Amino acid sequence: MPQKSYIYELDQVTFQLDEKHDFDWITKLGTVFQVFDQQDSGNISFGIEKSGRKYFVKYAGARLAAFSGNTNDAISRLRAAIPLYEQLKHPSLIELVDHIELESGYAAIFQWFEGESLHPHWSFPPPAKYVNPASPYFRFKQLPAARRLLALDRIFAFHSFIEQEGVVAVDFYDGSLLYDFGRNEMKICDIDVYQRKPFINTMGRLWGSSRFMSPEEFIMGAPIDEISNVYTMGAAAFALLGAELDRSYAKWDAGEGLYNVAIKAVSPDRESRFASVSAFKSAWDAAL
């Protein structure tokens, strides 16, 4: 028997859910002008505007077609992420302004950032992501290497900072990145499943995109730490300056010195990588 779906209209947006849900609470926050309902995290997100100011609202509790997991788990994950956003305030991270416990779920409210996702799988599924001139990722890759290097510096600076705060990145990938082409500014928009150290892989395959994941993120019982994050930062460099999993020098846009740093970072052998993100960033900055 086919799954019944429910169509919702909130101000300027329309979306579909697998179950009925109460959204009266969000209309009290402001006018809804955008919806992001194709996430597999269990969250549905909205752009809202009130008194001339825009906000990004991430909500867990509604049953989305794109989510196959347990809605209560999605609520727990979002609730547990709030202390991380509060602890890890940084210019590279979107700013949390409030969070609300609701009868039907949980909501986190952020300052709006006029950026575009570098992995908009709902509008530019691969291969369109890589070849469509309208794709944000394609447009980003056309920027001069110097601008892309500045964007990467924001990423590396944030992950060097969280390392000092005793936190490791999990599920970081280009879907976590927003780029404002008008201001040439990069921000990270999702640290929901980052973890405090020490963190051991109890899942086998952790959350994330395999394009950015270290080998130990597939191994039950493996430590996930700053050396794992070195791999992720190297993978980010290849995603923004190279050809993602084709890590050949021929596809690299930023010179031999930086290439040597990046290729060391993504070594399958943990012992061959840099010992920390800070050490990686120091080597990267020296190669610049």
Protein backbone atom coordinates (compact mmCIF):
# COMPACT_ATOMS: atom_id res chain seq x y z
CA MET A 1 0.00 0.00 0.00
CA PRO A 2 1.57 3.35 -1.01
CA GLN A 3 2.67 5.73 1.76
CA LYS A 4 0.25 8.62 2.24
CA SER A 5 1.77 12.07 1.99
CA TYR A 6 0.67 15.45 3.31
CA ILE A 7 1.21 18.77 1.54
CA TYR A 8 1.96 21.83 3.66
CA GLU A 9 1.88 25.49 2.69
CA LEU A 10 3.58 27.97 5.00
CA ASP A 11 3.59 31.55 3.76
CA GLN A 12 5.71 31.41 0.58
CA VAL A 13 6.72 27.72 0.62
CA THR A 14 5.16 24.32 -0.06
CA PHE A 15 6.55 20.97 1.05
CA GLN A 16 5.53 17.37 1.63
CA LEU A 17 5.69 15.12 4.70
CA ASP A 18 4.87 11.48 5.35
CA GLU A 19 2.85 12.33 8.47
CA LYS A 20 0.67 15.19 9.70
CA HIS A 21 2.58 17.71 11.77
CA ASP A 22 1.91 20.95 13.67
CA PHE A 23 3.88 23.94 12.33
CA ASP A 24 1.92 26.70 14.07
CA TRP A 25 5.02 27.44 16.17
CA ILE A 26 7.15 28.50 13.20
CA THR A 27 4.65 30.99 11.81
CA LYS A 28 4.94 32.78 15.16
CA LEU A 29 8.68 33.21 14.58
CA GLY A 30 8.25 35.09 11.30
CA THR A 31 7.41 34.71 7.61
CA VAL A 32 8.68 31.51 6.02
CA PHE A 33 10.36 32.26 2.67
CA GLN A 34 12.37 29.09 1.99
CA VAL A 35 12.28 25.40 2.88
CA PHE A 36 15.01 22.72 2.79
CA ASP A 37 13.15 19.42 2.91
CA GLN A 38 15.46 17.01 1.08
CA GLN A 39 17.87 16.28 3.94
CA ASP A 40 18.58 12.69 5.00
CA SER A 41 19.48 13.82 8.55
CA GLY A 42 15.87 13.83 9.76
CA ASN A 43 15.82 17.63 9.93
CA ILE A 44 13.69 20.00 7.90
CA SER A 45 14.96 23.58 7.72
CA PHE A 46 13.39 26.93 6.92
CA GLY A 47 14.40 30.45 6.06
CA ILE A 48 12.25 32.90 8.02
CA GLU A 49 12.12 36.69 8.12
CA LYS A 50 10.93 38.93 10.92
CA SER A 51 11.23 42.71 11.21
CA GLY A 52 13.63 42.82 8.27
CA ARG A 53 15.99 40.18 9.71
CA LYS A 54 16.45 36.68 8.33
CA TYR A 55 17.02 33.47 10.26
CA PHE A 56 17.69 29.82 9.47
CA VAL A 57 15.58 27.40 11.51
CA LYS A 58 16.57 23.73 11.72
CA TYR A 59 13.84 21.46 13.05
CA ALA A 60 13.70 17.78 14.04
CA GLY A 61 10.42 16.04 14.71
CA ALA A 62 8.65 15.86 11.35
CA ARG A 63 8.61 12.68 9.26
CA LEU A 64 10.43 13.43 5.98
CA ALA A 65 10.32 11.24 2.89
CA ALA A 66 14.12 11.56 2.52
CA PHE A 67 14.75 10.26 6.06
CA SER A 68 14.64 6.53 6.80
CA GLY A 69 15.71 6.72 10.44
CA ASN A 70 13.94 7.27 13.75
CA THR A 71 12.49 10.76 14.27
CA ASN A 72 13.23 10.62 18.01
CA ASP A 73 16.89 9.97 17.22
CA ALA A 74 16.93 13.06 14.97
CA ILE A 75 15.45 15.12 17.82
CA SER A 76 18.06 13.80 20.26
CA ARG A 77 20.92 14.57 17.85
CA LEU A 78 19.79 18.15 17.29
CA ARG A 79 19.25 18.75 21.01
CA ALA A 80 22.70 17.30 21.79
CA ALA A 81 24.34 19.57 19.16
CA ILE A 82 23.29 22.80 20.88
CA PRO A 83 26.13 22.85 23.45
CA LEU A 84 28.62 22.35 20.60
CA TYR A 85 27.32 25.39 18.69
CA GLU A 86 27.52 27.38 21.94
CA GLN A 87 31.05 26.20 22.77
CA LEU A 88 32.47 26.47 19.25
CA LYS A 89 31.43 30.02 18.31
CA HIS A 90 33.77 31.07 15.49
CA PRO A 91 33.73 33.38 12.45
CA SER A 92 33.73 30.29 10.19
CA LEU A 93 30.57 28.81 11.77
CA ILE A 94 26.97 29.95 11.38
CA GLU A 95 25.77 31.65 14.56
CA LEU A 96 23.22 30.01 16.88
CA VAL A 97 20.81 32.58 18.33
CA ASP A 98 18.19 30.43 20.08
CA HIS A 99 16.82 26.90 20.50
CA ILE A 100 13.33 25.74 21.41
CA GLU A 101 12.00 22.56 22.99
CA LEU A 102 8.60 21.93 21.39
CA GLU A 103 5.86 19.43 22.14
CA SER A 104 6.35 17.86 18.71
CA GLY A 105 10.10 18.25 18.27
CA TYR A 106 13.14 20.50 18.67
CA ALA A 107 14.22 23.66 16.80
CA ALA A 108 17.55 25.49 16.52
CA ILE A 109 17.55 29.08 15.23
CA PHE A 110 20.60 30.57 13.50
CA GLN A 111 21.49 33.88 11.91
CA TRP A 112 20.83 33.66 8.18
CA PHE A 113 23.90 33.50 5.93
CA GLU A 114 23.52 34.36 2.24
CA GLY A 115 25.52 31.38 1.06
CA GLU A 116 24.85 28.51 -1.34
CA SER A 117 25.52 24.87 -0.51
CA LEU A 118 28.50 23.38 -2.32
CA HIS A 119 26.70 20.02 -2.39
CA PRO A 120 23.09 20.84 -3.35
CA HIS A 121 22.13 17.25 -4.11
CA TRP A 122 18.42 18.12 -4.34
CA SER A 123 18.85 20.61 -7.21
CA PHE A 124 22.12 19.46 -8.81
CA PRO A 125 22.52 15.72 -8.18
CA PRO A 126 25.79 14.35 -9.60
CA PRO A 127 26.88 14.58 -12.35
CA ALA A 128 25.05 17.95 -12.66
CA LYS A 129 26.89 19.18 -9.55
CA TYR A 130 30.18 18.97 -11.45
CA VAL A 131 29.19 20.10 -14.95
CA ASN A 132 26.13 22.38 -14.79
CA PRO A 133 27.25 26.04 -14.99
CA ALA A 134 24.46 26.96 -12.54
CA SER A 135 25.70 24.52 -9.87
CA PRO A 136 27.28 26.29 -6.88
CA TYR A 137 30.06 23.70 -6.77
CA PHE A 138 30.83 24.19 -10.48
CA ARG A 139 30.85 27.97 -10.02
CA PHE A 140 33.10 27.70 -6.98
CA LYS A 141 35.59 25.58 -8.92
CA GLN A 142 35.77 28.34 -11.58
CA LEU A 143 36.94 30.90 -9.01
CA PRO A 144 40.64 31.81 -9.00
CA ALA A 145 42.70 29.47 -6.82
CA ALA A 146 43.54 32.39 -4.50
CA ARG A 147 39.86 32.81 -3.57
CA ARG A 148 39.40 29.10 -3.04
CA LEU A 149 42.50 29.09 -0.83
CA LEU A 150 40.95 31.82 1.35
CA ALA A 151 37.79 29.73 1.68
CA LEU A 152 39.83 26.68 2.65
CA ASP A 153 41.69 28.73 5.25
CA ARG A 154 38.34 29.39 6.99
CA ILE A 155 37.73 25.63 7.10
CA PHE A 156 41.21 24.79 8.37
CA ALA A 157 41.14 27.59 10.98
CA PHE A 158 37.85 26.32 12.40
CA HIS A 159 39.03 22.72 12.64
CA SER A 160 42.31 23.77 14.22
CA PHE A 161 40.25 25.71 16.77
CA ILE A 162 37.91 22.81 17.62
CA GLU A 163 40.95 20.58 18.09
CA GLN A 164 42.07 22.88 20.92
CA GLU A 165 38.52 22.68 22.32
CA GLY A 166 38.68 18.86 22.52
CA VAL A 167 36.21 18.23 19.69
CA VAL A 168 36.54 16.10 16.54
CA ALA A 169 34.70 16.62 13.25
CA VAL A 170 32.32 13.88 12.16
CA ASP A 171 30.15 14.07 9.02
CA PHE A 172 32.01 17.07 7.61
CA TYR A 173 31.76 17.28 3.80
CA ASP A 174 30.95 19.85 1.11
CA GLY A 175 27.29 19.67 2.11
CA SER A 176 28.44 21.34 5.35
CA LEU A 177 29.73 24.34 3.39
CA LEU A 178 27.95 27.51 2.32
CA TYR A 179 29.67 29.99 0.00
CA ASP A 180 28.56 33.59 -0.49
CA PHE A 181 29.70 34.44 -4.02
CA GLY A 182 28.91 38.14 -3.54
CA ARG A 183 31.17 38.53 -0.51
CA ASN A 184 33.57 35.67 -1.29
CA GLU A 185 32.93 34.22 2.15
CA MET A 186 32.75 30.60 3.31
CA LYS A 187 30.88 29.33 6.38
CA ILE A 188 30.34 25.91 7.91
CA CYS A 189 26.65 25.25 8.51
CA ASP A 190 26.47 21.82 10.15
CA ILE A 191 28.42 20.43 13.12
CA ASP A 192 25.47 18.44 14.48
CA VAL A 193 27.33 15.15 14.98
CA TYR A 194 30.78 16.48 15.88
CA GLN A 195 31.99 14.65 18.98
CA ARG A 196 33.96 15.42 22.12
CA LYS A 197 37.22 13.51 22.56
CA PRO A 198 37.88 10.74 23.20
CA PHE A 199 35.56 9.32 20.56
CA ILE A 200 35.52 5.68 19.44
CA ASN A 201 33.77 4.46 16.30
CA THR A 202 30.88 2.31 17.58
CA MET A 203 28.97 2.22 14.28
CA GLY A 204 31.34 0.65 11.75
CA ARG A 205 30.57 3.08 8.93
CA LEU A 206 30.12 6.45 10.60
CA TRP A 207 27.88 9.25 9.34
CA GLY A 208 29.34 11.16 6.40
CA SER A 209 30.33 11.21 2.77
CA SER A 210 32.94 8.59 1.89
CA ARG A 211 34.68 11.27 -0.22
CA PHE A 212 35.79 12.96 3.02
CA MET A 213 36.05 10.07 5.46
CA SER A 214 39.26 8.61 6.84
CA PRO A 215 39.70 4.80 6.70
CA GLU A 216 39.16 4.55 10.47
CA GLU A 217 35.67 6.03 10.06
CA PHE A 218 34.68 2.68 8.54
CA ILE A 219 36.23 0.51 11.29
CA MET A 220 34.34 -0.54 14.42
CA GLY A 221 36.33 0.29 17.55
CA ALA A 222 38.78 2.67 15.83
CA PRO A 223 39.67 5.96 17.55
CA ILE A 224 38.38 9.03 15.69
CA ASP A 225 40.66 11.92 16.58
CA GLU A 226 42.74 14.81 15.29
CA ILE A 227 44.65 12.48 12.93
CA SER A 228 41.32 11.40 11.42
CA ASN A 229 40.47 15.08 10.99
CA VAL A 230 43.78 15.69 9.21
CA TYR A 231 42.56 13.23 6.57
CA THR A 232 39.23 15.09 6.31
CA MET A 233 41.01 18.43 5.84
CA GLY A 234 43.19 16.93 3.12
CA ALA A 235 40.08 15.55 1.43
CA ALA A 236 38.51 19.02 1.63
CA ALA A 237 41.57 20.46 -0.10
CA PHE A 238 41.21 17.95 -2.94
CA ALA A 239 37.47 18.67 -3.20
CA LEU A 240 37.98 22.44 -3.56
CA LEU A 241 41.34 22.59 -5.36
CA GLY A 242 41.52 19.23 -7.13
CA ALA A 243 39.22 16.53 -8.45
CA GLU A 244 37.95 14.98 -5.21
CA LEU A 245 38.89 11.28 -5.23
CA ASP A 246 41.15 11.71 -8.26
CA ARG A 247 44.06 13.00 -6.24
CA SER A 248 46.52 13.23 -9.09
CA TYR A 249 48.74 16.28 -9.40
CA ALA A 250 47.46 16.77 -12.95
CA LYS A 251 44.02 17.71 -11.54
CA TRP A 252 45.41 20.00 -8.81
CA ASP A 253 45.10 23.79 -9.08
CA ALA A 254 47.43 25.12 -6.39
CA GLY A 255 51.07 24.20 -6.92
CA GLU A 256 53.43 21.42 -5.85
CA GLY A 257 54.10 22.58 -2.29
CA LEU A 258 50.45 22.57 -1.25
CA TYR A 259 49.86 19.34 -3.17
CA ASN A 260 52.55 17.60 -1.12
CA VAL A 261 50.90 18.73 2.12
CA ALA A 262 47.44 17.62 0.97
CA ILE A 263 48.57 14.21 -0.29
CA LYS A 264 50.37 13.51 2.99
CA ALA A 265 47.17 14.44 4.89
CA VAL A 266 45.10 11.83 3.02
CA SER A 267 47.51 8.95 3.54
CA PRO A 268 45.59 5.72 4.28
CA ASP A 269 48.21 5.05 6.96
CA ARG A 270 47.47 7.13 10.07
CA GLU A 271 51.12 7.25 11.08
CA SER A 272 52.05 8.86 7.76
CA ARG A 273 49.67 11.83 8.21
CA PHE A 274 50.29 14.98 10.21
CA ALA A 275 49.84 14.48 13.96
CA SER A 276 47.18 17.18 14.28
CA VAL A 277 45.12 19.64 12.26
CA SER A 278 47.24 22.43 13.73
CA ALA A 279 50.41 20.74 12.41
CA PHE A 280 48.73 20.25 9.06
CA LYS A 281 47.70 23.91 8.90
CA SER A 282 51.21 25.04 9.86
CA ALA A 283 52.69 22.99 7.00
CA TRP A 284 49.98 24.27 4.64
CA ASP A 285 50.60 27.91 5.58
CA ALA A 286 54.36 27.44 5.16
CA ALA A 287 53.81 25.95 1.69
CA LEU A 288 51.66 28.96 0.72
